[in-house]
Protein backbone atom coordinates (compact mmCIF):
# COMPACT_ATOMS: atom_id res chain seq x y z
CA MET A 1 101.08 98.92 94.93
CA GLY A 2 98.21 102.05 96.07
CA THR A 3 97.57 105.85 94.70
CA VAL A 4 97.81 109.20 96.51
CA ARG A 5 95.37 111.72 95.42
CA GLY A 6 94.65 115.31 96.46
CA PRO A 7 94.52 118.75 95.29
CA LYS A 8 98.22 119.59 95.58
CA ILE A 9 99.29 115.97 95.30
CA ASN A 10 99.43 112.98 92.95
CA GLY A 11 101.43 110.15 93.16
CA THR A 12 101.99 106.18 93.64
CA ILE A 13 103.10 104.43 97.06
CA VAL A 14 106.22 102.31 96.09
CA PRO A 15 108.33 99.94 98.04
CA PRO A 16 110.08 99.66 100.60
CA THR A 17 106.27 100.02 102.60
CA GLY A 18 105.68 97.77 105.46
CA ASP A 19 102.47 97.74 108.01
CA TRP A 20 102.20 96.10 110.89
CA LEU A 21 98.83 94.95 112.76
CA ILE A 22 99.06 94.69 116.43
CA ILE A 23 95.92 92.57 118.06
CA MET A 24 95.22 94.72 121.44
CA PRO A 25 94.21 92.35 124.30
CA ASP A 26 90.20 94.07 123.30
CA GLY A 27 90.66 92.50 120.12
CA SER A 28 91.26 96.00 118.61
CA LEU A 29 93.76 96.76 116.12
CA ARG A 30 96.56 99.33 116.30
CA LEU A 31 98.41 99.92 113.20
CA ASP A 32 101.96 101.07 112.38
CA VAL A 33 102.46 102.08 108.98
CA ARG A 34 105.82 103.23 107.12
CA GLY A 35 105.47 104.08 103.20
CA THR A 36 107.14 105.66 100.28
CA ILE A 37 105.41 107.82 97.89
CA LYS A 38 106.89 108.85 94.61
CA THR A 39 104.87 111.96 93.46
CA ASP A 40 103.81 111.69 89.43
CA ASP A 41 106.36 114.51 88.96
CA GLY A 42 109.00 112.08 90.21
CA GLU A 43 109.35 113.09 94.02
CA ILE A 44 109.99 110.93 96.96
CA ILE A 45 107.93 111.45 100.10
CA LEU A 46 108.04 108.93 103.16
CA VAL A 47 104.96 108.72 105.02
CA THR A 48 104.91 106.83 108.29
CA TYR A 49 101.68 106.70 110.66
CA SER A 50 99.55 104.77 113.76
CA GLY A 51 95.74 104.58 113.97
CA ALA A 52 93.68 103.05 115.61
CA PHE A 53 91.05 100.20 114.52
CA ALA A 54 88.25 99.24 116.69
CA ALA A 55 84.91 97.11 115.67
CA SER A 56 82.60 94.62 116.40
CA LYS A 57 83.71 90.52 116.73
CA GLU A 58 80.94 90.62 114.05
CA VAL A 59 82.97 93.23 112.06
CA MET A 60 86.26 92.11 112.55
CA ASP A 61 85.27 88.59 111.62
CA ARG A 62 84.22 89.61 108.50
CA PHE A 63 87.03 91.36 108.00
CA ASN A 64 89.38 88.53 108.59
CA ASN A 65 87.44 86.63 105.82
CA GLY A 66 88.24 89.12 103.33
CA GLU A 67 85.12 91.21 102.83
CA VAL A 68 85.12 95.08 102.58
CA ILE A 69 84.82 96.93 105.50
CA THR A 70 83.53 100.19 105.40
CA SER A 71 83.58 103.51 107.63
CA LYS A 72 79.84 102.58 108.26
CA ASP A 73 80.92 98.99 109.81
CA ALA A 74 84.32 100.07 111.70
CA THR A 75 86.37 102.95 113.04
CA LEU A 76 89.73 103.19 111.69
CA ILE A 77 91.34 106.67 112.73
CA THR A 78 95.29 107.33 111.44
CA ALA A 79 97.75 110.17 112.31
CA PRO A 80 99.86 110.44 108.90
CA GLN A 81 103.15 112.48 109.10
CA PHE A 82 105.30 113.22 105.78
CA THR A 83 108.87 113.68 105.33
CA THR A 84 110.58 114.83 102.20
CA GLY A 85 113.75 116.58 100.98
CA SER A 86 111.14 118.31 98.00
CA LYS A 87 111.15 121.48 97.71
CA LYS A 88 107.58 121.34 95.77
CA TYR A 89 106.36 119.19 98.48
CA GLU A 90 108.41 120.38 101.51
CA TRP A 91 104.99 122.01 103.24
CA LEU A 92 104.51 118.61 104.05
CA ASN A 93 107.15 118.25 106.51
CA HIS A 94 104.83 120.97 108.58
CA ILE A 95 101.85 119.58 109.22
CA GLN A 96 100.08 116.87 110.55
CA ALA A 97 97.10 115.10 108.95
CA VAL A 98 94.01 112.63 110.19
CA GLY A 99 92.94 110.06 108.18
CA LYS A 100 89.62 108.62 108.49
CA MET A 101 88.87 104.88 106.99
CA VAL A 102 86.27 104.81 104.23
CA SER A 103 86.84 101.33 103.57
CA VAL A 104 89.61 98.47 103.63
CA GLN A 105 89.59 94.60 102.69
CA HIS A 106 92.33 92.80 104.62
CA GLY A 107 95.14 92.55 102.72
CA VAL A 108 94.38 93.57 99.61
CA LYS A 109 93.21 97.95 99.95
CA ILE A 110 92.46 100.70 102.18
CA LYS A 111 91.13 103.72 101.25
CA TYR A 112 91.75 107.05 103.56
CA ASP A 113 90.17 110.71 103.65
CA LEU A 114 92.92 112.50 105.24
CA PHE A 115 92.63 116.18 106.14
CA ILE A 116 95.26 118.71 107.35
CA VAL A 117 95.09 119.85 111.37
CA ARG A 118 94.84 123.46 111.65
C-alpha cells in the first residue's frame, strides 16, 4: 500500500488504514487519516494525521481527473502523530511531525516529506 523511508525508520503501510477527505464550502479539502506502519524489523506503529489541501479550481479539476499534482500546484500540509508499544521506536511517541506534500495522485499515491518539530 505504501512505504515509509527515513534515517531512523523503514517500513510498509499495511491494513488497517483509512482516509477521509472532507470538502469544505470554499472547495479546499480537510484530511483525516489513520494508518498502520509495519517496520522492516517487524514493529507496528499507528500513524494518524489531519491536514489541509488547498488548490485552485483548475488544479482541483486536474486532481479529480487523476493527474499528478505537486507542491508547485497546490498546498497540502499535515500534522502526523505516531503511537507504538515498540521500545526501539518509542521516540515516535514523543514527537510532533509536520508533513508537506511532494506529489499526489487521487486514489493512487501520495508522497510527503516529514519533519520533526523541535
